[in-house]
Amino acid sequence: MNLKLRHVGQVTAIDIEGKLDTNTSTLALEQLLAHLADSPPQVVISLDTLEFASSAGLRVLLRVAKHVRGYSGELKVGGATGMVKEVLEISGFDTLLNMYDSEEQALAAFE
């Protein structure tokens, strides 16, 4: 699991690649919260390079969403495909998170 932080205008964009599971979720959460310590108001998490997400990985996304909302910010998730998208939909996370088919759509939703 790797995280890449970028800034697209006023939006903090974070790419998650690899696997987000029991083995990587604790480190992922720590790194994500550290990246978001300054509480940016607009965050996009891009999942197009995420290969796998377990329930532990889903909890990471939910915790980050709650963190961002706690500072009156907004989190959008873009680019989930394949098994990752299926897991998000089956678990109902697509109704808990603002999900978009691509990062571009998620970024455009802030405008």
PDB file of N, CA and C in Angstrom:
ATOM      1  N   MET A   1       0.845  -1.165   0.000  1.00  0.00           N
ATOM      2  CA  MET A   1       0.000   0.000   0.000  1.00  0.00           C
ATOM      3  C   MET A   1       0.895   1.234   0.000  1.00  0.00           C
ATOM      4  N   ASN A   2       0.582   2.132  -0.929  1.00  0.00           N
ATOM      5  CA  ASN A   2       1.288   3.402  -1.021  1.00  0.00           C
ATOM      6  C   ASN A   2       0.278   4.533  -1.105  1.00  0.00           C
ATOM      7  N   LEU A   3       0.627   5.650  -0.496  1.00  0.00           N
ATOM      8  CA  LEU A   3      -0.187   6.857  -0.580  1.00  0.00           C
ATOM      9  C   LEU A   3       0.610   7.928  -1.303  1.00  0.00           C
ATOM     10  N   LYS A   4      -0.065   8.651  -2.184  1.00  0.00           N
ATOM     11  CA  LYS A   4       0.557   9.781  -2.863  1.00  0.00           C
ATOM     12  C   LYS A   4      -0.334  10.989  -2.654  1.00  0.00           C
ATOM     13  N   LEU A   5       0.245  12.038  -2.121  1.00  0.00           N
ATOM     14  CA  LEU A   5      -0.490  13.268  -1.831  1.00  0.00           C
ATOM     15  C   LEU A   5      -0.191  14.291  -2.918  1.00  0.00           C
ATOM     16  N   ARG A   6      -1.254  14.920  -3.421  1.00  0.00           N
ATOM     17  CA  ARG A   6      -1.125  15.970  -4.426  1.00  0.00           C
ATOM     18  C   ARG A   6      -2.097  17.085  -4.086  1.00  0.00           C
ATOM     19  N   HIS A   7      -1.852  18.239  -4.676  1.00  0.00           N
ATOM     20  CA  HIS A   7      -2.795  19.344  -4.540  1.00  0.00           C
ATOM     21  C   HIS A   7      -3.276  19.712  -5.933  1.00  0.00           C
ATOM     22  N   VAL A   8      -4.578  19.732  -6.102  1.00  0.00           N
ATOM     23  CA  VAL A   8      -5.200  20.116  -7.357  1.00  0.00           C
ATOM     24  C   VAL A   8      -6.031  21.354  -7.048  1.00  0.00           C
ATOM     25  N   GLY A   9      -5.460  22.514  -7.315  1.00  0.00           N
ATOM     26  CA  GLY A   9      -6.119  23.751  -6.908  1.00  0.00           C
ATOM     27  C   GLY A   9      -6.217  23.789  -5.391  1.00  0.00           C
ATOM     28  N   GLN A  10      -7.432  23.968  -4.886  1.00  0.00           N
ATOM     29  CA  GLN A  10      -7.676  24.013  -3.447  1.00  0.00           C
ATOM     30  C   GLN A  10      -7.938  22.633  -2.847  1.00  0.00           C
ATOM     31  N   VAL A  11      -7.963  21.604  -3.677  1.00  0.00           N
ATOM     32  CA  VAL A  11      -8.322  20.258  -3.237  1.00  0.00           C
ATOM     33  C   VAL A  11      -7.069  19.450  -2.923  1.00  0.00           C
ATOM     34  N   THR A  12      -7.101  18.760  -1.803  1.00  0.00           N
ATOM     35  CA  THR A  12      -6.050  17.803  -1.472  1.00  0.00           C
ATOM     36  C   THR A  12      -6.471  16.460  -2.069  1.00  0.00           C
ATOM     37  N   ALA A  13      -5.651  15.935  -2.975  1.00  0.00           N
ATOM     38  CA  ALA A  13      -5.943  14.659  -3.627  1.00  0.00           C
ATOM     39  C   ALA A  13      -4.964  13.609  -3.109  1.00  0.00           C
ATOM     40  N   ILE A  14      -5.502  12.462  -2.755  1.00  0.00           N
ATOM     41  CA  ILE A  14      -4.677  11.377  -2.227  1.00  0.00           C
ATOM     42  C   ILE A  14      -4.959  10.123  -3.037  1.00  0.00           C
ATOM     43  N   ASP A  15      -3.905   9.559  -3.627  1.00  0.00           N
ATOM     44  CA  ASP A  15      -4.007   8.297  -4.357  1.00  0.00           C
ATOM     45  C   ASP A  15      -3.654   7.169  -3.405  1.00  0.00           C
ATOM     46  N   ILE A  16      -4.487   6.151  -3.371  1.00  0.00           N
ATOM     47  CA  ILE A  16      -4.173   4.946  -2.594  1.00  0.00           C
ATOM     48  C   ILE A  16      -3.950   3.826  -3.594  1.00  0.00           C
ATOM     49  N   GLU A  17      -2.783   3.218  -3.551  1.00  0.00           N
ATOM     50  CA  GLU A  17      -2.508   2.132  -4.484  1.00  0.00           C
ATOM     51  C   GLU A  17      -2.093   0.871  -3.736  1.00  0.00           C
ATOM     52  N   GLY A  18      -2.359  -0.251  -4.355  1.00  0.00           N
ATOM     53  CA  GLY A  18      -2.020  -1.527  -3.746  1.00  0.00           C
ATOM     54  C   GLY A  18      -3.207  -2.145  -3.044  1.00  0.00           C
ATOM     55  N   LYS A  19      -2.976  -2.616  -1.827  1.00  0.00           N
ATOM     56  CA  LYS A  19      -4.014  -3.287  -1.045  1.00  0.00           C
ATOM     57  C   LYS A  19      -4.253  -2.537   0.251  1.00  0.00           C
ATOM     58  N   LEU A  20      -5.519  -2.402   0.589  1.00  0.00           N
ATOM     59  CA  LEU A  20      -5.912  -1.768   1.847  1.00  0.00           C
ATOM     60  C   LEU A  20      -6.641  -2.841   2.647  1.00  0.00           C
ATOM     61  N   ASP A  21      -5.886  -3.513   3.503  1.00  0.00           N
ATOM     62  CA  ASP A  21      -6.428  -4.650   4.235  1.00  0.00           C
ATOM     63  C   ASP A  21      -5.961  -4.629   5.683  1.00  0.00           C
ATOM     64  N   THR A  22      -6.149  -5.723   6.382  1.00  0.00           N
ATOM     65  CA  THR A  22      -5.775  -5.801   7.798  1.00  0.00           C
ATOM     66  C   THR A  22      -4.307  -5.482   8.012  1.00  0.00           C
ATOM     67  N   ASN A  23      -3.462  -5.922   7.097  1.00  0.00           N
ATOM     68  CA  ASN A  23      -2.023  -5.707   7.250  1.00  0.00           C
ATOM     69  C   ASN A  23      -1.604  -4.261   7.012  1.00  0.00           C
ATOM     70  N   THR A  24      -2.358  -3.513   6.226  1.00  0.00           N
ATOM     71  CA  THR A  24      -1.955  -2.157   5.861  1.00  0.00           C
ATOM     72  C   THR A  24      -2.853  -1.063   6.423  1.00  0.00           C
ATOM     73  N   SER A  25      -3.990  -1.425   6.987  1.00  0.00           N
ATOM     74  CA  SER A  25      -4.981  -0.417   7.374  1.00  0.00           C
ATOM     75  C   SER A  25      -4.507   0.507   8.492  1.00  0.00           C
ATOM     76  N   THR A  26      -3.806  -0.002   9.476  1.00  0.00           N
ATOM     77  CA  THR A  26      -3.353   0.841  10.589  1.00  0.00           C
ATOM     78  C   THR A  26      -2.376   1.897  10.091  1.00  0.00           C
ATOM     79  N   LEU A  27      -1.401   1.472   9.300  1.00  0.00           N
ATOM     80  CA  LEU A  27      -0.429   2.416   8.746  1.00  0.00           C
ATOM     81  C   LEU A  27      -1.112   3.406   7.806  1.00  0.00           C
ATOM     82  N   ALA A  28      -2.031   2.917   6.989  1.00  0.00           N
ATOM     83  CA  ALA A  28      -2.748   3.792   6.058  1.00  0.00           C
ATOM     84  C   ALA A  28      -3.516   4.875   6.812  1.00  0.00           C
ATOM     85  N   LEU A  29      -4.224   4.487   7.859  1.00  0.00           N
ATOM     86  CA  LEU A  29      -4.990   5.455   8.639  1.00  0.00           C
ATOM     87  C   LEU A  29      -4.069   6.489   9.272  1.00  0.00           C
ATOM     88  N   GLU A  30      -2.973   6.036   9.862  1.00  0.00           N
ATOM     89  CA  GLU A  30      -2.019   6.959  10.480  1.00  0.00           C
ATOM     90  C   GLU A  30      -1.483   7.953   9.458  1.00  0.00           C
ATOM     91  N   GLN A  31      -1.107   7.457   8.278  1.00  0.00           N
ATOM     92  CA  GLN A  31      -0.555   8.330   7.241  1.00  0.00           C
ATOM     93  C   GLN A  31      -1.608   9.290   6.707  1.00  0.00           C
ATOM     94  N   LEU A  32      -2.816   8.805   6.477  1.00  0.00           N
ATOM     95  CA  LEU A  32      -3.880   9.667   5.972  1.00  0.00           C
ATOM     96  C   LEU A  32      -4.209  10.784   6.958  1.00  0.00           C
ATOM     97  N   LEU A  33      -4.344  10.427   8.225  1.00  0.00           N
ATOM     98  CA  LEU A  33      -4.649  11.447   9.230  1.00  0.00           C
ATOM     99  C   LEU A  33      -3.497  12.442   9.381  1.00  0.00           C
ATOM    100  N   ALA A  34      -2.259  11.974   9.225  1.00  0.00           N
ATOM    101  CA  ALA A  34      -1.112  12.884   9.273  1.00  0.00           C
ATOM    102  C   ALA A  34      -1.151  13.849   8.086  1.00  0.00           C
ATOM    103  N   HIS A  35      -1.480  13.335   6.905  1.00  0.00           N
ATOM    104  CA  HIS A  35      -1.594  14.195   5.720  1.00  0.00           C
ATOM    105  C   HIS A  35      -2.716  15.213   5.881  1.00  0.00           C
ATOM    106  N   LEU A  36      -3.735  14.852   6.628  1.00  0.00           N
ATOM    107  CA  LEU A  36      -4.905  15.717   6.787  1.00  0.00           C
ATOM    108  C   LEU A  36      -4.895  16.464   8.115  1.00  0.00           C
ATOM    109  N   ALA A  37      -3.751  16.528   8.758  1.00  0.00           N
ATOM    110  CA  ALA A  37      -3.654  17.176  10.063  1.00  0.00           C
ATOM    111  C   ALA A  37      -4.013  18.654  10.002  1.00  0.00           C
ATOM    112  N   ASP A  38      -3.762  19.293   8.852  1.00  0.00           N
ATOM    113  CA  ASP A  38      -4.112  20.708   8.742  1.00  0.00           C
ATOM    114  C   ASP A  38      -5.569  20.886   8.331  1.00  0.00           C
ATOM    115  N   SER A  39      -6.316  19.792   8.312  1.00  0.00           N
ATOM    116  CA  SER A  39      -7.761  19.784   8.089  1.00  0.00           C
ATOM    117  C   SER A  39      -8.195  20.526   6.827  1.00  0.00           C
ATOM    118  N   PRO A  40      -7.725  20.074   5.665  1.00  0.00           N
ATOM    119  CA  PRO A  40      -8.147  20.729   4.427  1.00  0.00           C
ATOM    120  C   PRO A  40      -9.649  20.560   4.210  1.00  0.00           C
ATOM    121  N   PRO A  41     -10.312  21.590   3.695  1.00  0.00           N
ATOM    122  CA  PRO A  41     -11.767  21.523   3.551  1.00  0.00           C
ATOM    123  C   PRO A  41     -12.250  20.634   2.412  1.00  0.00           C
ATOM    124  N   GLN A  42     -11.400  20.401   1.414  1.00  0.00           N
ATOM    125  CA  GLN A  42     -11.809  19.603   0.264  1.00  0.00           C
ATOM    126  C   GLN A  42     -10.778  18.520   0.008  1.00  0.00           C
ATOM    127  N   VAL A  43     -11.228  17.261   0.059  1.00  0.00           N
ATOM    128  CA  VAL A  43     -10.329  16.122  -0.101  1.00  0.00           C
ATOM    129  C   VAL A  43     -10.938  15.141  -1.097  1.00  0.00           C
ATOM    130  N   VAL A  44     -10.094  14.665  -2.011  1.00  0.00           N
ATOM    131  CA  VAL A  44     -10.495  13.595  -2.914  1.00  0.00           C
ATOM    132  C   VAL A  44      -9.550  12.425  -2.682  1.00  0.00           C
ATOM    133  N   ILE A  45     -10.117  11.252  -2.474  1.00  0.00           N
ATOM    134  CA  ILE A  45      -9.322  10.035  -2.407  1.00  0.00           C
ATOM    135  C   ILE A  45      -9.556   9.285  -3.708  1.00  0.00           C
ATOM    136  N   SER A  46      -8.482   9.047  -4.418  1.00  0.00           N
ATOM    137  CA  SER A  46      -8.544   8.353  -5.698  1.00  0.00           C
ATOM    138  C   SER A  46      -8.204   6.877  -5.493  1.00  0.00           C
ATOM    139  N   LEU A  47      -9.106   6.013  -5.937  1.00  0.00           N
ATOM    140  CA  LEU A  47      -8.935   4.579  -5.726  1.00  0.00           C
ATOM    141  C   LEU A  47      -8.658   3.815  -7.017  1.00  0.00           C
ATOM    142  N   ASP A  48      -8.348   4.498  -8.106  1.00  0.00           N
ATOM    143  CA  ASP A  48      -8.185   3.787  -9.367  1.00  0.00           C
ATOM    144  C   ASP A  48      -6.972   2.865  -9.397  1.00  0.00           C
ATOM    145  N   THR A  49      -6.022   3.016  -8.474  1.00  0.00           N
ATOM    146  CA  THR A  49      -4.885   2.097  -8.403  1.00  0.00           C
ATOM    147  C   THR A  49      -4.964   1.193  -7.168  1.00  0.00           C
ATOM    148  N   LEU A  50      -6.111   1.207  -6.486  1.00  0.00           N
ATOM    149  CA  LEU A  50      -6.309   0.309  -5.345  1.00  0.00           C
ATOM    150  C   LEU A  50      -6.784  -1.040  -5.880  1.00  0.00           C
ATOM    151  N   GLU A  51      -6.060  -2.085  -5.556  1.00  0.00           N
ATOM    152  CA  GLU A  51      -6.353  -3.424  -6.074  1.00  0.00           C
ATOM    153  C   GLU A  51      -7.328  -4.211  -5.206  1.00  0.00           C
ATOM    154  N   PHE A  52      -7.309  -3.923  -3.903  1.00  0.00           N
ATOM    155  CA  PHE A  52      -8.104  -4.729  -2.968  1.00  0.00           C
ATOM    156  C   PHE A  52      -8.412  -3.901  -1.728  1.00  0.00           C
ATOM    157  N   ALA A  53      -9.624  -4.060  -1.210  1.00  0.00           N
ATOM    158  CA  ALA A  53     -10.005  -3.420   0.049  1.00  0.00           C
ATOM    159  C   ALA A  53     -10.806  -4.410   0.878  1.00  0.00           C
ATOM    160  N   SER A  54     -10.339  -4.669   2.089  1.00  0.00           N
ATOM    161  CA  SER A  54     -11.065  -5.533   3.021  1.00  0.00           C
ATOM    162  C   SER A  54     -11.942  -4.656   3.904  1.00  0.00           C
ATOM    163  N   SER A  55     -12.634  -5.274   4.845  1.00  0.00           N
ATOM    164  CA  SER A  55     -13.452  -4.500   5.776  1.00  0.00           C
ATOM    165  C   SER A  55     -12.590  -3.538   6.591  1.00  0.00           C
ATOM    166  N   ALA A  56     -11.369  -3.941   6.901  1.00  0.00           N
ATOM    167  CA  ALA A  56     -10.457  -3.041   7.625  1.00  0.00           C
ATOM    168  C   ALA A  56     -10.124  -1.828   6.767  1.00  0.00           C
ATOM    169  N   GLY A  57      -9.973  -2.027   5.483  1.00  0.00           N
ATOM    170  CA  GLY A  57      -9.719  -0.923   4.565  1.00  0.00           C
ATOM    171  C   GLY A  57     -10.908   0.002   4.452  1.00  0.00           C
ATOM    172  N   LEU A  58     -12.103  -0.563   4.452  1.00  0.00           N
ATOM    173  CA  LEU A  58     -13.309   0.260   4.394  1.00  0.00           C
ATOM    174  C   LEU A  58     -13.435   1.129   5.638  1.00  0.00           C
ATOM    175  N   ARG A  59     -13.068   0.580   6.775  1.00  0.00           N
ATOM    176  CA  ARG A  59     -13.099   1.365   8.015  1.00  0.00           C
ATOM    177  C   ARG A  59     -12.153   2.556   7.933  1.00  0.00           C
ATOM    178  N   VAL A  60     -11.015   2.386   7.258  1.00  0.00           N
ATOM    179  CA  VAL A  60     -10.076   3.492   7.081  1.00  0.00           C
ATOM    180  C   VAL A  60     -10.765   4.623   6.319  1.00  0.00           C
ATOM    181  N   LEU A  61     -11.440   4.289   5.222  1.00  0.00           N
ATOM    182  CA  LEU A  61     -12.126   5.312   4.436  1.00  0.00           C
ATOM    183  C   LEU A  61     -13.194   6.018   5.259  1.00  0.00           C
ATOM    184  N   LEU A  62     -13.929   5.252   6.056  1.00  0.00           N
ATOM    185  CA  LEU A  62     -14.975   5.842   6.892  1.00  0.00           C
ATOM    186  C   LEU A  62     -14.381   6.755   7.958  1.00  0.00           C
ATOM    187  N   ARG A  63     -13.295   6.341   8.582  1.00  0.00           N
ATOM    188  CA  ARG A  63     -12.644   7.170   9.608  1.00  0.00           C
ATOM    189  C   ARG A  63     -12.119   8.466   9.019  1.00  0.00           C
ATOM    190  N   VAL A  64     -11.547   8.387   7.825  1.00  0.00           N
ATOM    191  CA  VAL A  64     -11.040   9.594   7.175  1.00  0.00           C
ATOM    192  C   VAL A  64     -12.196  10.519   6.826  1.00  0.00           C
ATOM    193  N   ALA A  65     -13.294   9.965   6.334  1.00  0.00           N
ATOM    194  CA  ALA A  65     -14.472  10.786   6.013  1.00  0.00           C
ATOM    195  C   ALA A  65     -14.981  11.491   7.259  1.00  0.00           C
ATOM    196  N   LYS A  66     -15.048  10.797   8.377  1.00  0.00           N
ATOM    197  CA  LYS A  66     -15.503  11.408   9.629  1.00  0.00           C
ATOM    198  C   LYS A  66     -14.533  12.493  10.091  1.00  0.00           C
ATOM    199  N   HIS A  67     -13.247  12.251   9.931  1.00  0.00           N
ATOM    200  CA  HIS A  67     -12.237  13.245  10.309  1.00  0.00           C
ATOM    201  C   HIS A  67     -12.426  14.527   9.497  1.00  0.00           C
ATOM    202  N   VAL A  68     -12.570  14.381   8.195  1.00  0.00           N
ATOM    203  CA  VAL A  68     -12.724  15.546   7.322  1.00  0.00           C
ATOM    204  C   VAL A  68     -14.026  16.279   7.639  1.00  0.00           C
ATOM    205  N   ARG A  69     -15.104  15.542   7.831  1.00  0.00           N
ATOM    206  CA  ARG A  69     -16.389  16.165   8.169  1.00  0.00           C
ATOM    207  C   ARG A  69     -16.337  16.855   9.526  1.00  0.00           C
ATOM    208  N   GLY A  70     -15.542  16.332  10.438  1.00  0.00           N
ATOM    209  CA  GLY A  70     -15.410  16.926  11.759  1.00  0.00           C
ATOM    210  C   GLY A  70     -14.822  18.330  11.717  1.00  0.00           C
ATOM    211  N   TYR A  71     -14.151  18.644  10.633  1.00  0.00           N
ATOM    212  CA  TYR A  71     -13.587  19.981  10.451  1.00  0.00           C
ATOM    213  C   TYR A  71     -14.353  20.749   9.383  1.00  0.00           C
ATOM    214  N   SER A  72     -15.631  20.386   9.212  1.00  0.00           N
ATOM    215  CA  SER A  72     -16.515  21.025   8.227  1.00  0.00           C
ATOM    216  C   SER A  72     -15.976  20.925   6.813  1.00  0.00           C
ATOM    217  N   GLY A  73     -15.222  19.878   6.554  1.00  0.00           N
ATOM    218  CA  GLY A  73     -14.704  19.629   5.215  1.00  0.00           C
ATOM    219  C   GLY A  73     -15.574  18.635   4.478  1.00  0.00           C
ATOM    220  N   GLU A  74     -15.167  18.336   3.262  1.00  0.00           N
ATOM    221  CA  GLU A  74     -15.920  17.389   2.449  1.00  0.00           C
ATOM    222  C   GLU A  74     -14.958  16.433   1.769  1.00  0.00           C
ATOM    223  N   LEU A  75     -15.277  15.152   1.838  1.00  0.00           N
ATOM    224  CA  LEU A  75     -14.474  14.101   1.217  1.00  0.00           C
ATOM    225  C   LEU A  75     -15.250  13.505   0.065  1.00  0.00           C
ATOM    226  N   LYS A  76     -14.565  13.324  -1.051  1.00  0.00           N
ATOM    227  CA  LYS A  76     -15.143  12.641  -2.197  1.00  0.00           C
ATOM    228  C   LYS A  76     -14.186  11.522  -2.590  1.00  0.00           C
ATOM    229  N   VAL A  77     -14.763  10.415  -3.047  1.00  0.00           N
ATOM    230  CA  VAL A  77     -13.979   9.249  -3.444  1.00  0.00           C
ATOM    231  C   VAL A  77     -14.210   9.019  -4.923  1.00  0.00           C
ATOM    232  N   GLY A  78     -13.130   8.858  -5.665  1.00  0.00           N
ATOM    233  CA  GLY A  78     -13.269   8.654  -7.096  1.00  0.00           C
ATOM    234  C   GLY A  78     -12.448   7.496  -7.610  1.00  0.00           C
ATOM    235  N   GLY A  79     -12.912   6.919  -8.702  1.00  0.00           N
ATOM    236  CA  GLY A  79     -12.120   5.951  -9.438  1.00  0.00           C
ATOM    237  C   GLY A  79     -12.142   4.513  -8.968  1.00  0.00           C
ATOM    238  N   ALA A  80     -13.006   4.157  -8.049  1.00  0.00           N
ATOM    239  CA  ALA A  80     -13.059   2.757  -7.614  1.00  0.00           C
ATOM    240  C   ALA A  80     -13.546   1.895  -8.776  1.00  0.00           C
ATOM    241  N   THR A  81     -12.857   0.802  -9.024  1.00  0.00           N
ATOM    242  CA  THR A  81     -13.229  -0.096 -10.105  1.00  0.00           C
ATOM    243  C   THR A  81     -13.167  -1.545  -9.638  1.00  0.00           C
ATOM    244  N   GLY A  82     -13.702  -2.424 -10.461  1.00  0.00           N
ATOM    245  CA  GLY A  82     -13.588  -3.857 -10.219  1.00  0.00           C
ATOM    246  C   GLY A  82     -14.074  -4.284  -8.860  1.00  0.00           C
ATOM    247  N   MET A  83     -13.247  -5.117  -8.218  1.00  0.00           N
ATOM    248  CA  MET A  83     -13.603  -5.686  -6.926  1.00  0.00           C
ATOM    249  C   MET A  83     -13.743  -4.616  -5.848  1.00  0.00           C
ATOM    250  N   VAL A  84     -12.920  -3.579  -5.906  1.00  0.00           N
ATOM    251  CA  VAL A  84     -12.988  -2.509  -4.901  1.00  0.00           C
ATOM    252  C   VAL A  84     -14.350  -1.820  -4.983  1.00  0.00           C
ATOM    253  N   LYS A  85     -14.780  -1.502  -6.186  1.00  0.00           N
ATOM    254  CA  LYS A  85     -16.085  -0.854  -6.364  1.00  0.00           C
ATOM    255  C   LYS A  85     -17.205  -1.780  -5.896  1.00  0.00           C
ATOM    256  N   GLU A  86     -17.088  -3.040  -6.219  1.00  0.00           N
ATOM    257  CA  GLU A  86     -18.099  -4.018  -5.818  1.00  0.00           C
ATOM    258  C   GLU A  86     -18.195  -4.125  -4.297  1.00  0.00           C
ATOM    259  N   VAL A  87     -17.054  -4.162  -3.626  1.00  0.00           N
ATOM    260  CA  VAL A  87     -17.041  -4.242  -2.164  1.00  0.00           C
ATOM    261  C   VAL A  87     -17.681  -2.994  -1.553  1.00  0.00           C
ATOM    262  N   LEU A  88     -17.367  -1.835  -2.112  1.00  0.00           N
ATOM    263  CA  LEU A  88     -17.960  -0.589  -1.605  1.00  0.00           C
ATOM    264  C   LEU A  88     -19.473  -0.590  -1.785  1.00  0.00           C
ATOM    265  N   GLU A  89     -19.943  -1.092  -2.911  1.00  0.00           N
ATOM    266  CA  GLU A  89     -21.378  -1.118  -3.168  1.00  0.00           C
ATOM    267  C   GLU A  89     -22.090  -2.167  -2.311  1.00  0.00           C
ATOM    268  N   ILE A  90     -21.540  -3.360  -2.222  1.00  0.00           N
ATOM    269  CA  ILE A  90     -22.172  -4.435  -1.444  1.00  0.00           C
ATOM    270  C   ILE A  90     -22.252  -4.067   0.033  1.00  0.00           C
ATOM    271  N   SER A  91     -21.218  -3.388   0.526  1.00  0.00           N
ATOM    272  CA  SER A  91     -21.180  -3.017   1.943  1.00  0.00           C
ATOM    273  C   SER A  91     -22.025  -1.780   2.244  1.00  0.00           C
ATOM    274  N   GLY A  92     -22.520  -1.110   1.202  1.00  0.00           N
ATOM    275  CA  GLY A  92     -23.311   0.090   1.402  1.00  0.00           C
ATOM    276  C   GLY A  92     -22.486   1.352   1.566  1.00  0.00           C
ATOM    277  N   PHE A  93     -21.186   1.257   1.407  1.00  0.00           N
ATOM    278  CA  PHE A  93     -20.326   2.423   1.562  1.00  0.00           C
ATOM    279  C   PHE A  93     -20.542   3.436   0.454  1.00  0.00           C
ATOM    280  N   ASP A  94     -21.095   2.995  -0.669  1.00  0.00           N
ATOM    281  CA  ASP A  94     -21.381   3.946  -1.745  1.00  0.00           C
ATOM    282  C   ASP A  94     -22.480   4.924  -1.333  1.00  0.00           C
ATOM    283  N   THR A  95     -23.240   4.593  -0.298  1.00  0.00           N
ATOM    284  CA  THR A  95     -24.257   5.521   0.211  1.00  0.00           C
ATOM    285  C   THR A  95     -23.725   6.366   1.373  1.00  0.00           C
ATOM    286  N   LEU A  96     -22.638   5.915   1.996  1.00  0.00           N
ATOM    287  CA  LEU A  96     -22.037   6.649   3.106  1.00  0.00           C
ATOM    288  C   LEU A  96     -21.003   7.671   2.640  1.00  0.00           C
ATOM    289  N   LEU A  97     -20.395   7.400   1.499  1.00  0.00           N
ATOM    290  CA  LEU A  97     -19.351   8.258   0.960  1.00  0.00           C
ATOM    291  C   LEU A  97     -19.838   8.901  -0.334  1.00  0.00           C
ATOM    292  N   ASN A  98     -19.334  10.080  -0.627  1.00  0.00           N
ATOM    293  CA  ASN A  98     -19.624  10.724  -1.908  1.00  0.00           C
ATOM    294  C   ASN A  98     -18.731  10.076  -2.953  1.00  0.00           C
ATOM    295  N   MET A  99     -19.286   9.149  -3.730  1.00  0.00           N
ATOM    296  CA  MET A  99     -18.501   8.364  -4.680  1.00  0.00           C
ATOM    297  C   MET A  99     -18.758   8.815  -6.107  1.00  0.00           C
ATOM    298  N   TYR A 100     -17.671   8.814  -6.893  1.00  0.00           N
ATOM    299  CA  TYR A 100     -17.714   9.205  -8.289  1.00  0.00           C
ATOM    300  C   TYR A 100     -16.939   8.185  -9.110  1.00  0.00           C
ATOM    301  N   ASP A 101     -17.302   8.073 -10.381  1.00  0.00           N
ATOM    302  CA  ASP A 101     -16.659   7.084 -11.245  1.00  0.00           C
ATOM    303  C   ASP A 101     -15.183   7.383 -11.503  1.00  0.00           C
ATOM    304  N   SER A 102     -14.801   8.649 -11.432  1.00  0.00           N
ATOM    305  CA  SER A 102     -13.404   9.015 -11.687  1.00  0.00           C
ATOM    306  C   SER A 102     -12.977  10.138 -10.751  1.00  0.00           C
ATOM    307  N   GLU A 103     -11.687  10.306 -10.652  1.00  0.00           N
ATOM    308  CA  GLU A 103     -11.163  11.415  -9.856  1.00  0.00           C
ATOM    309  C   GLU A 103     -11.580  12.742 -10.464  1.00  0.00           C
ATOM    310  N   GLU A 104     -11.597  12.827 -11.775  1.00  0.00           N
ATOM    311  CA  GLU A 104     -11.985  14.058 -12.464  1.00  0.00           C
ATOM    312  C   GLU A 104     -13.402  14.460 -12.091  1.00  0.00           C
ATOM    313  N   GLN A 105     -14.317  13.485 -12.039  1.00  0.00           N
ATOM    314  CA  GLN A 105     -15.706  13.786 -11.655  1.00  0.00           C
ATOM    315  C   GLN A 105     -15.770  14.239 -10.200  1.00  0.00           C
ATOM    316  N   ALA A 106     -14.997  13.610  -9.331  1.00  0.00           N
ATOM    317  CA  ALA A 106     -14.983  13.993  -7.923  1.00  0.00           C
ATOM    318  C   ALA A 106     -14.452  15.417  -7.756  1.00  0.00           C
ATOM    319  N   LEU A 107     -13.393  15.747  -8.488  1.00  0.00           N
ATOM    320  CA  LEU A 107     -12.848  17.106  -8.425  1.00  0.00           C
ATOM    321  C   LEU A 107     -13.842  18.124  -8.965  1.00  0.00           C
ATOM    322  N   ALA A 108     -14.513  17.793 -10.057  1.00  0.00           N
ATOM    323  CA  ALA A 108     -15.489  18.707 -10.662  1.00  0.00           C
ATOM    324  C   ALA A 108     -16.670  18.954  -9.731  1.00  0.00           C
ATOM    325  N   ALA A 109     -16.985  17.996  -8.864  1.00  0.00           N
ATOM    326  CA  ALA A 109     -18.116  18.133  -7.950  1.00  0.00           C
ATOM    327  C   ALA A 109     -17.882  19.237  -6.919  1.00  0.00           C
ATOM    328  N   PHE A 110     -16.631  19.649  -6.727  1.00  0.00           N
ATOM    329  CA  PHE A 110     -16.332  20.734  -5.792  1.00  0.00           C
ATOM    330  C   PHE A 110     -16.594  22.102  -6.414  1.00  0.00           C
ATOM    331  N   GLU A 111     -16.649  22.154  -7.735  1.00  0.00           N
ATOM    332  CA  GLU A 111     -16.791  23.455  -8.407  1.00  0.00           C
ATOM    333  C   GLU A 111     -18.198  23.965  -8.376  1.00  0.00           C
TER     334      GLU A 111
END
